[in-house]
Amino acid sequence: MPAPPEFLQFVDNNADKFIKRLGDAVAIPSISGDASRRGDVVKMAEWLNGQLKAVGVETQLVDLGKHVMDDQELNLPPAILGRIGNDPKKKTVLIYGHFDVQPANKSDGWDTDPFTLVIHEDGRLIGRGSSDDKGPILGWLNVLQYHRENKKELPVNLRCCFEGMEENGSEGLDDLVKKESQPGGWFDGVDCVCISDNYWLNNRTPALTYGLRGLSYFKLTISGPGRDLHSGVFGRMVHEPMTDLITLMSKLVDNQGNILIPGVDEMVEPPTINERAIYERLDYSIADVEQSAGGQIAISDSKVDTLMGRMRYPSLSIHGIEGAFSGVGAKTVIPAKVSGKFSIRLVPPQTPELVEPLVEKYLTDEFAKLNSKNKFRIECLHNGRPWLADINHWNFEAAKIATRAVYQQEPDLTREGGSIPVTLTFAESLGVNVLLLPMGRGDDGAHSTNEKLDRSNFIQGTKLLGTYLYELAAITQGKQ
């Protein structure tokens, strides 16, 4: 049951209209992490809600309550729930996406206005949110528009969940998903989930993603003096907080990426021969790593070891120090209080509940060894658990067939190094398989300057999303 040729032709014929609609979406600066832009996030929700209704989706804007940001109490932007179709003979697919974006200003280094979609002559569609995640959401709209205008039934029942806080912690969404997964809720009866909010491993090969790392983010604070001190007066007279902090931070990870906290790396079993073979097959190279990083700095010359470092193993990264002198000149101050921030990306079977006590005990013990009179505090600022799906499930099989049909390529099977916490919430609340089906390429620069989505990825990606629904219907006939 492949996608109708009429659908594929419809997408080609309407490509320019689809790109115009993407431009309309990009023009709304729906920055969830900026309190002054909260009205724009709400505007984006209302715009998307109207677009969904226009293609036949029954929708509801859901009030998620309030939260505090930048010392202000703000209304959370509404989530959008949607449904179309209720045929008991069909599988029911839940799709998720987010309509908020990362901050962006031309002064950040953008070549053009971030909120004006620029169609580059090489096919790049440049604008904030083009790839993350407005383009993929509109890909689903494009599919629905074909069925609406041609009076065609969808091959599956569809449920939608779109939010406006993903770039700022998805506040309020977990509770909504759990509630609507109960009998009688919007997600009752969902058979699988498809999320398009990630990217190919490179810019050549389409991918399916079956795993995401979790996260534990820490703040380590050392304080002592009652105020900042003059190093010429107090140097070598007092215990300096910065010295203690640097000593402790140096004991977290080595320059080969090995985590030095006992028990953390050891939680993860070594890969089997069959698992290593998955990484061998991926279309990736050390040159891809170094091109993406902007320097010849890969830890290993082995493609497999490098990819497993990103996808299969935990990693610890040190992010910054608060309270230290960072201005121009040579200020000779001893800071009274400094905080170091670091995070651990987690993989199964690790969870925050297992890892965080190890971190706290290790750093507490190491601080005690310093015999310092300073004060020590370690806290976890936020966390999320890792997710891993069955790549042999019919949800993934349908996506593999669809990818071959649209791209004439075998998709890479990837695990992402980053985190999308709602993925695990869907998997656990619904008890179903979750698939990540990316539209964009690995060089889209989703959180960076000059974010782009290639025209070919937008148009072919729309075909992929529609074809996936048809192949899912075909592969699951009789599996109700």
Protein backbone atom coordinates (compact mmCIF):
# COMPACT_ATOMS: atom_id res chain seq x y z
CA MET A 1 0.00 0.00 0.00
CA PRO A 2 2.52 2.64 -1.11
CA ALA A 3 1.62 6.34 -1.13
CA PRO A 4 -0.56 7.26 -4.12
CA PRO A 5 1.39 8.80 -7.02
CA GLU A 6 -1.18 11.61 -6.91
CA PHE A 7 0.04 12.50 -3.41
CA LEU A 8 3.67 12.67 -4.49
CA GLN A 9 2.73 14.82 -7.49
CA PHE A 10 0.60 17.09 -5.29
CA VAL A 11 3.61 17.77 -3.06
CA ASP A 12 5.78 18.70 -6.05
CA ASN A 13 3.07 20.89 -7.57
CA ASN A 14 2.51 22.80 -4.32
CA ALA A 15 6.12 23.13 -3.19
CA ASP A 16 6.23 26.89 -3.56
CA LYS A 17 2.98 27.30 -1.60
CA PHE A 18 4.34 25.07 1.15
CA ILE A 19 7.51 27.17 1.35
CA LYS A 20 5.40 30.35 1.52
CA ARG A 21 3.55 28.86 4.49
CA LEU A 22 6.86 28.01 6.16
CA GLY A 23 7.83 31.64 5.71
CA ASP A 24 4.62 32.70 7.46
CA ALA A 25 5.48 30.42 10.38
CA VAL A 26 9.10 31.56 10.64
CA ALA A 27 7.91 35.19 10.72
CA ILE A 28 6.33 34.63 14.13
CA PRO A 29 9.21 34.93 16.67
CA SER A 30 7.88 32.30 19.07
CA ILE A 31 10.84 32.31 21.49
CA SER A 32 9.70 30.42 24.58
CA GLY A 33 12.74 31.37 26.67
CA ASP A 34 12.13 35.13 26.31
CA ALA A 35 9.39 36.52 28.56
CA SER A 36 8.89 39.48 26.24
CA ARG A 37 8.05 37.07 23.40
CA ARG A 38 5.45 35.00 25.25
CA GLY A 39 2.68 36.71 23.28
CA ASP A 40 4.35 35.60 20.05
CA VAL A 41 4.43 31.99 21.24
CA VAL A 42 0.69 32.21 21.91
CA LYS A 43 0.22 33.84 18.49
CA MET A 44 2.07 30.92 16.93
CA ALA A 45 -0.18 28.45 18.74
CA GLU A 46 -3.26 30.20 17.45
CA TRP A 47 -1.86 30.37 13.91
CA LEU A 48 -1.03 26.66 13.88
CA ASN A 49 -4.39 25.80 15.41
CA GLY A 50 -6.09 27.63 12.55
CA GLN A 51 -3.96 25.82 9.97
CA LEU A 52 -4.85 22.43 11.47
CA LYS A 53 -8.55 23.21 11.47
CA ALA A 54 -8.35 24.28 7.82
CA VAL A 55 -7.15 20.78 6.83
CA GLY A 56 -9.86 18.99 8.77
CA VAL A 57 -8.30 18.36 12.17
CA GLU A 58 -10.51 18.61 15.25
CA THR A 59 -8.44 20.58 17.74
CA GLN A 60 -8.34 21.90 21.28
CA LEU A 61 -6.07 24.58 22.72
CA VAL A 62 -5.16 23.39 26.22
CA ASP A 63 -4.28 25.76 29.07
CA LEU A 64 -1.16 24.41 30.80
CA GLY A 65 -1.24 26.89 33.70
CA LYS A 66 1.47 29.31 34.80
CA HIS A 67 5.17 29.35 35.57
CA VAL A 68 7.83 31.78 36.75
CA MET A 69 10.54 32.96 34.36
CA ASP A 70 12.86 35.94 34.68
CA ASP A 71 11.17 36.72 38.02
CA GLN A 72 7.81 37.04 36.28
CA GLU A 73 4.76 34.82 36.58
CA LEU A 74 3.68 34.00 33.04
CA ASN A 75 0.93 31.97 31.44
CA LEU A 76 2.37 28.93 29.72
CA PRO A 77 1.56 28.90 26.01
CA PRO A 78 -1.28 26.52 25.18
CA ALA A 79 -0.63 23.05 23.81
CA ILE A 80 -2.59 21.92 20.76
CA LEU A 81 -4.34 18.56 20.78
CA GLY A 82 -5.82 17.27 17.54
CA ARG A 83 -7.49 14.26 15.99
CA ILE A 84 -8.75 13.13 12.64
CA GLY A 85 -10.26 9.70 12.01
CA ASN A 86 -11.65 7.13 14.40
CA ASP A 87 -11.86 3.96 12.32
CA PRO A 88 -11.37 0.88 14.55
CA LYS A 89 -9.96 -1.00 11.54
CA LYS A 90 -7.06 1.45 11.27
CA LYS A 91 -3.99 1.99 13.39
CA THR A 92 -3.90 5.23 15.37
CA VAL A 93 -0.69 7.27 15.09
CA LEU A 94 0.21 10.13 17.44
CA ILE A 95 2.46 12.84 15.99
CA TYR A 96 4.35 15.36 18.13
CA GLY A 97 6.16 18.59 17.36
CA HIS A 98 6.93 21.98 18.90
CA PHE A 99 6.24 25.45 17.55
CA ASP A 100 8.57 27.43 19.83
CA VAL A 101 12.11 28.34 18.81
CA GLN A 102 15.51 29.25 20.21
CA PRO A 103 16.39 32.94 20.64
CA ALA A 104 17.85 34.65 17.58
CA ASN A 105 19.08 38.15 16.73
CA LYS A 106 20.85 39.37 13.61
CA SER A 107 23.59 40.66 15.93
CA ASP A 108 24.34 37.07 16.95
CA GLY A 109 26.02 36.60 13.58
CA TRP A 110 23.08 35.89 11.28
CA ASP A 111 23.60 36.94 7.67
CA THR A 112 19.92 37.90 7.41
CA ASP A 113 16.94 38.67 9.66
CA PRO A 114 16.36 35.38 11.58
CA PHE A 115 12.58 35.76 11.34
CA THR A 116 12.39 36.35 7.60
CA LEU A 117 12.64 33.12 5.62
CA VAL A 118 15.34 33.57 2.99
CA ILE A 119 15.27 31.23 0.00
CA HIS A 120 18.89 30.86 -1.00
CA GLU A 121 19.78 30.05 -4.58
CA ASP A 122 21.35 26.75 -3.46
CA GLY A 123 18.01 25.62 -1.99
CA ARG A 124 18.59 26.50 1.64
CA LEU A 125 15.54 27.87 3.45
CA ILE A 126 17.19 30.07 6.07
CA GLY A 127 15.30 31.23 9.15
CA ARG A 128 14.87 30.48 12.85
CA GLY A 129 12.66 27.43 13.30
CA SER A 130 12.85 26.34 9.66
CA SER A 131 14.35 23.00 10.68
CA ASP A 132 13.63 22.99 14.43
CA ASP A 133 10.70 22.37 14.41
CA LYS A 134 8.34 24.40 12.22
CA GLY A 135 9.38 22.76 8.96
CA PRO A 136 8.59 19.22 10.16
CA ILE A 137 5.26 20.31 11.67
CA LEU A 138 4.29 21.90 8.37
CA GLY A 139 5.34 18.70 6.62
CA TRP A 140 2.48 16.99 8.42
CA LEU A 141 0.17 19.86 7.44
CA ASN A 142 1.19 19.41 3.81
CA VAL A 143 0.21 15.74 3.98
CA LEU A 144 -3.16 16.57 5.53
CA GLN A 145 -3.79 19.29 2.94
CA TYR A 146 -3.53 16.73 0.13
CA HIS A 147 -6.13 14.49 1.75
CA ARG A 148 -8.45 17.40 2.53
CA GLU A 149 -8.36 18.98 -0.91
CA ASN A 150 -8.72 15.66 -2.72
CA LYS A 151 -11.35 14.26 -0.34
CA LYS A 152 -9.13 11.27 0.48
CA GLU A 153 -9.30 9.38 3.76
CA LEU A 154 -6.07 9.05 5.68
CA PRO A 155 -4.74 5.48 5.79
CA VAL A 156 -4.54 5.75 9.61
CA ASN A 157 -6.27 7.57 12.43
CA LEU A 158 -4.17 10.55 13.46
CA ARG A 159 -3.69 12.25 16.83
CA CYS A 160 -1.64 15.43 17.27
CA CYS A 161 0.25 16.96 20.17
CA PHE A 162 2.03 20.24 19.50
CA GLU A 163 3.61 22.39 22.23
CA GLY A 164 5.24 25.78 22.65
CA MET A 165 7.75 25.15 25.46
CA GLU A 166 10.09 22.44 24.15
CA GLU A 167 13.05 24.82 23.94
CA ASN A 168 12.45 25.79 27.56
CA GLY A 169 11.91 22.46 29.30
CA SER A 170 8.44 21.43 28.01
CA GLU A 171 6.89 22.73 31.22
CA GLY A 172 3.41 21.36 31.79
CA LEU A 173 3.56 18.81 28.98
CA ASP A 174 4.34 15.66 30.97
CA ASP A 175 1.21 16.04 33.08
CA LEU A 176 -0.89 16.66 29.96
CA VAL A 177 0.46 13.56 28.20
CA LYS A 178 -0.16 11.37 31.25
CA LYS A 179 -3.70 12.72 31.63
CA GLU A 180 -4.64 12.35 27.97
CA SER A 181 -3.21 8.82 27.84
CA GLN A 182 -5.89 7.64 30.29
CA PRO A 183 -9.12 5.96 29.05
CA GLY A 184 -11.26 8.59 27.38
CA GLY A 185 -8.31 10.98 26.82
CA TRP A 186 -7.20 12.37 23.49
CA PHE A 187 -4.46 9.74 23.22
CA ASP A 188 -6.59 6.78 24.29
CA GLY A 189 -6.15 4.01 21.70
CA VAL A 190 -2.88 5.31 20.22
CA ASP A 191 -0.87 2.44 18.69
CA CYS A 192 2.45 4.20 18.03
CA VAL A 193 4.11 7.62 18.09
CA CYS A 194 6.09 9.46 15.41
CA ILE A 195 8.22 12.51 16.27
CA SER A 196 10.05 14.60 13.66
CA ASP A 197 12.30 16.80 15.80
CA ASN A 198 15.83 15.66 15.05
CA TYR A 199 18.23 15.34 12.14
CA TRP A 200 20.16 13.06 9.85
CA LEU A 201 23.61 12.04 11.04
CA ASN A 202 25.13 13.80 8.01
CA ASN A 203 23.86 15.68 4.94
CA ARG A 204 23.71 12.61 2.68
CA THR A 205 21.78 9.76 4.26
CA PRO A 206 18.25 9.75 5.73
CA ALA A 207 18.01 8.36 9.24
CA LEU A 208 15.68 6.76 11.75
CA THR A 209 16.43 7.40 15.40
CA TYR A 210 15.78 4.80 18.10
CA GLY A 211 17.56 6.21 21.13
CA LEU A 212 18.23 9.43 23.02
CA ARG A 213 20.57 10.11 25.90
CA GLY A 214 19.25 11.41 29.19
CA LEU A 215 20.76 14.20 31.24
CA SER A 216 21.79 15.16 34.76
CA TYR A 217 22.92 18.79 35.03
CA PHE A 218 24.90 19.84 38.11
CA LYS A 219 26.06 23.01 39.83
CA LEU A 220 29.06 22.77 42.16
CA THR A 221 29.53 25.80 44.43
CA ILE A 222 32.52 26.69 46.62
CA SER A 223 32.36 29.71 48.94
CA GLY A 224 34.50 31.03 51.77
CA PRO A 225 35.41 34.72 52.13
CA GLY A 226 32.70 37.18 53.06
CA ARG A 227 33.57 39.23 49.97
CA ASP A 228 35.97 39.26 47.01
CA LEU A 229 39.57 39.67 48.20
CA HIS A 230 42.76 41.29 46.89
CA SER A 231 45.19 38.56 45.86
CA GLY A 232 48.19 40.73 46.77
CA VAL A 233 46.91 40.99 50.33
CA PHE A 234 45.31 37.58 50.88
CA GLY A 235 47.10 35.28 48.39
CA ARG A 236 48.61 32.25 50.19
CA MET A 237 46.90 33.39 53.39
CA VAL A 238 43.41 31.94 52.81
CA HIS A 239 41.76 28.97 51.14
CA GLU A 240 40.66 30.28 47.75
CA PRO A 241 37.29 29.03 46.41
CA MET A 242 38.48 29.08 42.79
CA THR A 243 41.43 26.82 43.59
CA ASP A 244 39.18 24.28 45.28
CA LEU A 245 36.67 24.43 42.43
CA ILE A 246 39.25 23.90 39.70
CA THR A 247 40.75 21.00 41.64
CA LEU A 248 37.37 19.28 41.94
CA MET A 249 36.30 19.97 38.36
CA SER A 250 39.57 18.45 37.11
CA LYS A 251 38.64 15.18 38.80
CA LEU A 252 35.38 14.68 36.84
CA VAL A 253 36.58 13.62 33.37
CA ASP A 254 39.88 13.11 31.55
CA ASN A 255 40.79 14.45 28.12
CA GLN A 256 39.93 11.11 26.50
CA GLY A 257 36.33 11.46 27.66
CA ASN A 258 36.55 8.85 30.42
CA ILE A 259 34.28 9.70 33.35
CA LEU A 260 36.35 9.55 36.56
CA ILE A 261 33.40 9.24 38.97
CA PRO A 262 33.48 5.60 40.16
CA GLY A 263 30.54 3.51 39.00
CA VAL A 264 29.23 5.78 36.23
CA ASP A 265 30.98 4.35 33.15
CA GLU A 266 30.86 0.89 34.70
CA MET A 267 27.03 0.81 34.59
CA VAL A 268 27.07 0.38 30.81
CA GLU A 269 27.78 -3.07 29.36
CA PRO A 270 30.17 -3.32 26.40
CA PRO A 271 28.54 -3.69 22.97
CA THR A 272 27.89 -7.04 21.36
CA ILE A 273 29.32 -7.93 17.95
CA ASN A 274 25.90 -7.40 16.36
CA GLU A 275 25.54 -4.00 17.98
CA ARG A 276 28.96 -2.86 16.77
CA ALA A 277 27.86 -3.88 13.28
CA ILE A 278 25.08 -1.26 13.41
CA TYR A 279 27.69 1.46 13.94
CA GLU A 280 29.94 0.00 11.23
CA ARG A 281 27.12 0.43 8.70
CA LEU A 282 26.45 4.09 9.48
CA ASP A 283 27.38 6.56 6.76
CA TYR A 284 29.77 8.64 8.83
CA SER A 285 33.48 9.30 9.13
CA ILE A 286 36.01 11.03 11.35
CA ALA A 287 36.13 13.74 8.67
CA ASP A 288 32.41 14.35 9.25
CA VAL A 289 33.05 14.76 12.97
CA GLU A 290 35.86 17.22 12.45
CA GLN A 291 34.06 19.19 9.76
CA SER A 292 31.07 19.56 12.08
CA ALA A 293 33.32 20.52 15.02
CA GLY A 294 35.33 22.97 12.93
CA GLY A 295 38.68 21.42 13.86
CA GLN A 296 40.71 18.23 13.71
CA ILE A 297 40.02 17.32 17.32
CA ALA A 298 38.30 13.90 17.34
CA ILE A 299 39.38 11.81 20.33
CA SER A 300 39.57 8.57 18.33
CA ASP A 301 40.48 7.63 14.76
CA SER A 302 37.90 4.82 14.91
CA LYS A 303 34.52 5.65 13.36
CA VAL A 304 32.77 3.04 15.49
CA ASP A 305 34.32 4.17 18.77
CA THR A 306 33.60 7.80 17.94
CA LEU A 307 29.94 7.13 17.11
CA MET A 308 29.48 5.02 20.23
CA GLY A 309 30.96 7.90 22.21
CA ARG A 310 28.15 10.09 20.91
CA MET A 311 25.29 7.61 20.97
CA ARG A 312 25.94 4.59 23.16
CA TYR A 313 28.09 5.74 26.08
CA PRO A 314 27.58 8.43 28.73
CA SER A 315 29.58 11.62 28.46
CA LEU A 316 30.53 14.31 30.96
CA SER A 317 31.03 17.90 29.80
CA ILE A 318 32.14 20.95 31.78
CA HIS A 319 30.17 24.02 30.74
CA GLY A 320 31.34 27.05 32.67
CA ILE A 321 32.17 28.87 35.88
CA GLU A 322 30.03 31.53 37.52
CA GLY A 323 31.44 34.20 39.82
CA ALA A 324 34.91 34.31 38.33
CA PHE A 325 36.45 37.42 36.77
CA SER A 326 35.78 37.39 33.03
CA GLY A 327 36.14 41.04 31.97
CA VAL A 328 38.77 42.94 30.05
CA GLY A 329 42.12 43.60 31.67
CA ALA A 330 43.95 41.88 34.54
CA LYS A 331 41.82 42.10 37.65
CA THR A 332 43.72 40.47 40.55
CA VAL A 333 40.70 39.37 42.56
CA ILE A 334 40.10 36.27 44.68
CA PRO A 335 36.40 35.51 44.10
CA ALA A 336 34.44 34.90 47.29
CA LYS A 337 32.08 32.39 45.68
CA VAL A 338 32.34 30.43 42.46
CA SER A 339 30.15 27.79 40.85
CA GLY A 340 31.07 25.27 38.19
CA LYS A 341 28.43 23.75 35.93
CA PHE A 342 28.71 20.34 34.30
CA SER A 343 26.40 17.69 32.94
CA ILE A 344 26.37 13.96 32.32
CA ARG A 345 24.57 12.58 29.27
CA LEU A 346 23.03 9.28 30.35
CA VAL A 347 22.38 6.05 28.47
CA PRO A 348 20.43 2.92 29.48
CA PRO A 349 20.49 1.43 32.07
CA GLN A 350 21.57 4.70 33.71
CA THR A 351 18.97 6.96 35.27
CA PRO A 352 19.32 10.23 37.21
CA GLU A 353 18.26 8.34 40.35
CA LEU A 354 21.23 5.97 39.96
CA VAL A 355 23.88 8.44 38.82
CA GLU A 356 23.26 11.53 40.94
CA PRO A 357 24.08 9.89 44.33
CA LEU A 358 27.40 8.67 42.86
CA VAL A 359 28.28 12.19 41.76
CA GLU A 360 27.35 13.73 45.11
CA LYS A 361 29.29 11.14 47.16
CA TYR A 362 32.37 11.32 44.96
CA LEU A 363 32.63 15.11 45.04
CA THR A 364 31.86 15.26 48.76
CA ASP A 365 34.66 12.78 49.44
CA GLU A 366 37.10 14.56 47.12
CA PHE A 367 36.37 17.92 48.76
CA ALA A 368 37.04 16.41 52.18
CA LYS A 369 40.49 15.33 50.94
CA LEU A 370 41.38 18.98 50.28
CA ASN A 371 41.22 19.88 54.00
CA SER A 372 39.78 23.20 52.92
CA LYS A 373 37.93 25.59 55.22
CA ASN A 374 35.71 26.72 52.37
CA LYS A 375 32.10 25.60 52.09
CA PHE A 376 31.00 23.04 49.51
CA ARG A 377 27.64 22.46 47.83
CA ILE A 378 26.60 20.18 44.95
CA GLU A 379 23.10 20.32 43.47
CA CYS A 380 21.34 18.85 40.45
CA LEU A 381 19.56 21.60 38.51
CA HIS A 382 17.55 19.36 36.18
CA ASN A 383 17.53 15.89 34.72
CA GLY A 384 15.90 13.52 32.26
CA ARG A 385 16.08 9.81 31.61
CA PRO A 386 17.39 8.15 28.44
CA TRP A 387 15.15 6.42 25.90
CA LEU A 388 15.69 3.39 23.68
CA ALA A 389 13.20 1.79 21.24
CA ASP A 390 12.90 -1.55 19.43
CA ILE A 391 14.16 -1.01 15.87
CA ASN A 392 12.44 -4.21 14.71
CA HIS A 393 8.96 -2.97 15.67
CA TRP A 394 6.45 -2.53 12.82
CA ASN A 395 6.55 1.24 13.41
CA PHE A 396 10.23 1.28 12.42
CA GLU A 397 9.72 -1.26 9.64
CA ALA A 398 7.14 1.02 8.03
CA ALA A 399 9.53 3.96 8.27
CA LYS A 400 12.35 1.93 6.71
CA ILE A 401 10.15 0.96 3.75
CA ALA A 402 8.98 4.56 3.33
CA THR A 403 12.55 5.87 3.39
CA ARG A 404 13.62 3.42 0.70
CA ALA A 405 10.62 4.43 -1.43
CA VAL A 406 11.24 8.19 -1.17
CA TYR A 407 15.04 8.38 -1.07
CA GLN A 408 16.04 5.09 -2.73
CA GLN A 409 18.42 4.63 0.20
CA GLU A 410 18.65 2.43 3.24
CA PRO A 411 18.27 4.70 6.29
CA ASP A 412 20.93 5.04 8.95
CA LEU A 413 19.74 3.73 12.33
CA THR A 414 20.94 6.22 14.91
CA ARG A 415 20.89 7.06 18.59
CA GLU A 416 21.08 10.77 19.32
CA GLY A 417 23.50 12.27 21.79
CA GLY A 418 20.96 14.89 22.88
CA SER A 419 17.75 14.65 24.86
CA ILE A 420 14.02 15.05 24.05
CA PRO A 421 12.44 14.19 27.43
CA VAL A 422 8.85 13.97 26.14
CA THR A 423 9.87 10.97 24.02
CA LEU A 424 10.18 8.81 27.12
CA THR A 425 6.97 10.28 28.54
CA PHE A 426 5.05 9.14 25.47
CA ALA A 427 6.68 5.70 25.55
CA GLU A 428 5.91 5.11 29.23
CA SER A 429 2.48 6.77 29.43
CA LEU A 430 1.13 5.04 26.32
CA GLY A 431 3.17 1.84 26.45
CA VAL A 432 3.77 1.99 22.69
CA ASN A 433 6.71 2.20 20.29
CA VAL A 434 8.06 5.70 19.59
CA LEU A 435 9.86 6.52 16.33
CA LEU A 436 11.99 9.60 15.57
CA LEU A 437 11.68 10.31 11.84
CA PRO A 438 13.85 13.35 11.02
CA MET A 439 13.28 15.73 8.13
CA GLY A 440 16.41 17.90 8.34
CA ARG A 441 20.09 17.31 7.74
CA GLY A 442 22.95 17.15 10.21
CA ASP A 443 24.26 20.54 9.06
CA ASP A 444 21.01 22.48 9.59
CA GLY A 445 22.40 24.38 12.59
CA ALA A 446 19.15 24.15 14.51
CA HIS A 447 20.29 26.11 17.59
CA SER A 448 22.89 28.16 15.78
CA THR A 449 23.09 31.17 13.49
CA ASN A 450 21.73 30.88 9.94
CA GLU A 451 19.56 27.88 10.79
CA LYS A 452 18.30 26.33 7.57
CA LEU A 453 16.20 23.56 6.10
CA ASP A 454 17.06 22.48 2.57
CA ARG A 455 14.20 22.78 0.08
CA SER A 456 14.76 19.17 -0.99
CA ASN A 457 14.50 17.96 2.59
CA PHE A 458 11.28 19.93 3.14
CA ILE A 459 9.64 18.59 0.00
CA GLN A 460 11.02 15.05 0.09
CA GLY A 461 10.50 15.01 3.85
CA THR A 462 6.82 15.81 3.32
CA LYS A 463 6.61 12.86 0.93
CA LEU A 464 8.36 10.70 3.53
CA LEU A 465 5.89 11.56 6.30
CA GLY A 466 2.92 10.78 4.07
CA THR A 467 4.47 7.61 2.67
CA TYR A 468 5.25 6.44 6.22
CA LEU A 469 1.54 6.60 7.10
CA TYR A 470 0.62 4.53 4.04
CA GLU A 471 3.34 1.95 4.65
CA LEU A 472 2.36 1.72 8.32
CA ALA A 473 -1.23 0.98 7.32
CA ALA A 474 -0.06 -1.69 4.89
CA ILE A 475 2.39 -3.43 7.22
CA THR A 476 -0.07 -3.57 10.13
CA GLN A 477 -3.14 -4.88 8.33
CA GLY A 478 -4.56 -7.62 10.54
CA LYS A 479 -2.39 -6.61 13.54
CA GLN A 480 -5.18 -4.90 15.49
